[in-house]
């Protein structure tokens, strides 16, 4: 019994450290590879997301771009740079959970079945949770696409203040989602 307690006592700090150092990689793990889809969805929250979404449409992955919370200057830029694309703007979602619900409804309403979902690396695990919940029991599919922001060092996320703040925030928000939306259902 003493040996087991000693082993637990010795392993808990190592496991905590491993969890700390792996947090950035775990949060960004669900990122996929772009493929041809019905719509590219750019989640609200950052310039890198908008740049990546525009690049995906320019590269021919889709003729449709849905941008959440796009300012007027971005809307004008997209209209000028993507004249042949169908541009959709939505300012209603307040959080990632709402973005997933809105996208599912739009996709089902318009007969779209596939999407690329663009967000920042540490946001992807929470996005995966929200989107997998929203798309459960549908024929809709999505692929998460990561941005490549200059502030994201990946495995060494704690060395950059912007990355560290983002990871801290995402860990808390993911915990909230797991409590607020257990198994993907609203409580």
Protein backbone atom coordinates (compact mmCIF):
# COMPACT_ATOMS: atom_id res chain seq x y z
CA UNK A 1 0.00 0.00 0.00
CA UNK A 2 2.81 2.41 0.87
CA UNK A 3 4.54 1.70 -2.42
CA UNK A 4 1.36 2.52 -4.35
CA UNK A 5 0.89 5.80 -2.45
CA UNK A 6 4.51 6.72 -3.02
CA UNK A 7 4.16 5.94 -6.71
CA UNK A 8 1.03 8.12 -6.96
CA UNK A 9 2.76 10.90 -5.02
CA UNK A 10 5.71 10.78 -7.42
CA UNK A 11 3.64 10.53 -10.61
CA UNK A 12 1.07 13.28 -9.99
CA UNK A 13 3.53 16.18 -10.45
CA UNK A 14 4.97 14.61 -13.59
CA UNK A 15 1.52 14.08 -15.08
CA UNK A 16 0.56 17.66 -14.22
CA UNK A 17 3.71 18.93 -15.95
CA UNK A 18 3.06 16.75 -18.96
CA UNK A 19 -0.49 18.10 -19.17
CA UNK A 20 0.77 21.66 -18.90
CA UNK A 21 3.37 21.29 -21.63
CA UNK A 22 1.04 19.31 -23.92
CA UNK A 23 -1.92 21.70 -23.55
CA UNK A 24 -1.10 23.71 -26.67
CA UNK A 25 -0.74 20.61 -28.82
CA UNK A 26 -3.91 19.04 -27.38
CA UNK A 27 -5.97 22.16 -28.03
CA UNK A 28 -4.76 22.44 -31.63
CA UNK A 29 -4.78 18.71 -32.40
CA UNK A 30 -8.03 18.50 -34.40
CA UNK A 31 -6.63 20.51 -37.34
CA UNK A 32 -7.13 18.86 -40.72
CA UNK A 33 -6.09 19.25 -44.34
CA UNK A 34 -8.15 21.36 -46.75
CA UNK A 35 -10.31 19.62 -49.35
CA UNK A 36 -13.00 20.71 -51.79
CA UNK A 37 -16.19 21.62 -49.91
CA UNK A 38 -19.51 23.39 -50.29
CA UNK A 39 -18.60 26.29 -47.98
CA UNK A 40 -15.63 27.74 -46.10
CA UNK A 41 -16.68 29.06 -42.68
CA UNK A 42 -14.47 31.66 -41.00
CA UNK A 43 -15.22 31.87 -37.30
CA UNK A 44 -15.29 35.29 -35.70
CA UNK A 45 -12.33 36.51 -33.79
CA UNK A 46 -9.23 37.32 -35.77
CA UNK A 47 -7.48 38.64 -38.83
CA UNK A 48 -5.51 35.41 -39.33
CA UNK A 49 -8.78 33.52 -39.66
CA UNK A 50 -10.05 35.89 -42.33
CA UNK A 51 -6.78 35.71 -44.28
CA UNK A 52 -6.82 31.90 -44.18
CA UNK A 53 -10.47 31.69 -45.25
CA UNK A 54 -9.89 34.04 -48.18
CA UNK A 55 -6.82 32.00 -49.20
CA UNK A 56 -8.85 28.78 -49.17
CA UNK A 57 -11.45 30.26 -51.51
CA UNK A 58 -8.75 31.72 -53.76
CA UNK A 59 -7.11 28.26 -53.86
CA UNK A 60 -10.38 26.80 -55.17
CA UNK A 61 -11.54 24.75 -52.19
CA UNK A 62 -14.98 26.37 -52.38
CA UNK A 63 -16.92 29.06 -54.20
CA UNK A 64 -18.70 30.06 -50.96
CA UNK A 65 -17.32 31.93 -47.97
CA UNK A 66 -19.31 32.40 -44.77
CA UNK A 67 -17.64 34.94 -42.47
CA UNK A 68 -18.84 35.49 -38.93
CA UNK A 69 -18.49 39.01 -37.51
CA UNK A 70 -16.83 40.66 -40.49
CA UNK A 71 -16.33 44.41 -40.30
CA UNK A 72 -17.24 46.65 -43.22
CA UNK A 73 -13.63 47.02 -44.40
CA UNK A 74 -13.25 43.22 -44.54
CA UNK A 75 -16.53 42.87 -46.41
CA UNK A 76 -15.36 45.40 -49.01
CA UNK A 77 -11.97 43.68 -49.29
CA UNK A 78 -13.58 40.27 -49.83
CA UNK A 79 -16.01 41.65 -52.43
CA UNK A 80 -13.06 43.13 -54.32
CA UNK A 81 -10.74 40.14 -54.07
CA UNK A 82 -13.32 37.36 -54.47
CA UNK A 83 -15.71 38.71 -57.11
CA UNK A 84 -16.76 35.23 -58.28
CA UNK A 85 -17.35 33.85 -54.78
CA UNK A 86 -20.67 33.74 -52.98
CA UNK A 87 -20.04 35.78 -49.83
CA UNK A 88 -22.22 35.31 -46.77
CA UNK A 89 -21.86 37.40 -43.62
CA UNK A 90 -23.45 36.67 -40.27
CA UNK A 91 -23.12 38.79 -37.15
CA UNK A 92 -25.59 36.92 -34.93
CA UNK A 93 -23.54 34.20 -33.16
CA UNK A 94 -22.19 35.29 -29.78
CA UNK A 95 -19.92 32.31 -29.09
CA UNK A 96 -18.46 29.20 -30.70
CA UNK A 97 -21.47 27.10 -29.72
CA UNK A 98 -23.79 29.53 -31.52
CA UNK A 99 -21.52 29.58 -34.58
CA UNK A 100 -21.81 25.82 -34.93
CA UNK A 101 -25.60 25.87 -34.54
CA UNK A 102 -25.96 28.70 -37.07
CA UNK A 103 -23.67 26.96 -39.59
CA UNK A 104 -25.63 23.69 -39.30
CA UNK A 105 -28.93 25.49 -39.93
CA UNK A 106 -27.49 27.42 -42.92
CA UNK A 107 -25.95 24.27 -44.37
CA UNK A 108 -29.15 22.26 -44.04
CA UNK A 109 -31.29 25.11 -45.40
CA UNK A 110 -29.07 25.57 -48.46
CA UNK A 111 -28.35 21.90 -49.17
CA UNK A 112 -24.64 22.19 -48.39
CA UNK A 113 -23.06 19.06 -46.92
CA UNK A 114 -19.38 19.85 -46.41
CA UNK A 115 -17.45 22.71 -44.81
CA UNK A 116 -13.98 23.87 -43.95
CA UNK A 117 -14.04 25.63 -40.58
CA UNK A 118 -11.24 28.13 -40.01
CA UNK A 119 -9.97 29.12 -36.57
CA UNK A 120 -6.79 29.58 -34.55
CA UNK A 121 -4.80 26.58 -33.25
CA UNK A 122 -5.67 26.78 -29.53
CA UNK A 123 -9.37 27.26 -30.35
CA UNK A 124 -9.76 24.06 -32.37
CA UNK A 125 -10.52 21.55 -29.61
CA UNK A 126 -13.46 23.61 -28.33
CA UNK A 127 -14.63 24.17 -31.92
CA UNK A 128 -14.44 20.41 -32.51
CA UNK A 129 -16.61 19.80 -29.45
CA UNK A 130 -19.22 22.37 -30.50
CA UNK A 131 -19.32 21.33 -34.17
CA UNK A 132 -19.41 17.59 -33.49
CA UNK A 133 -22.33 18.22 -31.15
CA UNK A 134 -24.16 20.46 -33.63
CA UNK A 135 -23.63 18.06 -36.54
CA UNK A 136 -24.50 14.89 -34.63
CA UNK A 137 -27.22 12.86 -36.35
CA UNK A 138 -26.90 14.83 -39.61
CA UNK A 139 -25.27 13.99 -42.93
CA UNK A 140 -23.12 17.14 -42.68
CA UNK A 141 -19.33 16.97 -42.42
CA UNK A 142 -16.64 19.51 -41.66
CA UNK A 143 -12.87 19.76 -41.50
CA UNK A 144 -11.17 22.08 -39.04
CA UNK A 145 -8.51 24.25 -40.64
CA UNK A 146 -5.93 26.00 -38.52
CA UNK A 147 -4.53 29.42 -39.12
CA UNK A 148 -0.79 29.91 -38.87
CA UNK A 149 -0.54 33.00 -36.68
CA UNK A 150 2.90 34.46 -35.93
CA UNK A 151 2.16 34.41 -32.19
CA UNK A 152 1.60 30.62 -32.07
CA UNK A 153 4.78 28.67 -31.28
CA UNK A 154 2.95 25.34 -30.91
CA UNK A 155 4.62 23.10 -28.36
CA UNK A 156 6.24 26.08 -26.62
CA UNK A 157 3.02 28.04 -26.20
CA UNK A 158 3.91 29.18 -22.67
CA UNK A 159 6.87 31.25 -23.95
CA UNK A 160 4.67 33.73 -25.80
CA UNK A 161 2.31 35.92 -23.71
CA UNK A 162 -0.36 35.99 -26.43
CA UNK A 163 -0.27 32.20 -26.81
CA UNK A 164 -0.26 31.65 -23.06
CA UNK A 165 -3.28 33.89 -22.57
CA UNK A 166 -5.12 32.14 -25.43
CA UNK A 167 -4.38 28.66 -24.04
CA UNK A 168 -5.42 29.71 -20.51
CA UNK A 169 -8.67 31.13 -21.87
CA UNK A 170 -9.40 28.08 -24.01
CA UNK A 171 -8.83 25.62 -21.18
CA UNK A 172 -11.34 27.54 -19.05
CA UNK A 173 -13.84 27.87 -21.90
CA UNK A 174 -13.55 24.19 -22.80
CA UNK A 175 -14.22 23.30 -19.16
CA UNK A 176 -17.27 25.56 -19.25
CA UNK A 177 -18.51 23.91 -22.46
CA UNK A 178 -18.13 20.45 -20.97
CA UNK A 179 -20.25 21.53 -17.99
CA UNK A 180 -22.73 23.71 -19.91
CA UNK A 181 -23.19 21.37 -22.88
CA UNK A 182 -22.51 17.86 -21.52
CA UNK A 183 -22.26 15.40 -24.39
CA UNK A 184 -23.29 18.21 -26.71
CA UNK A 185 -26.72 18.88 -25.27
CA UNK A 186 -27.83 22.21 -23.81
CA UNK A 187 -28.71 22.12 -20.14
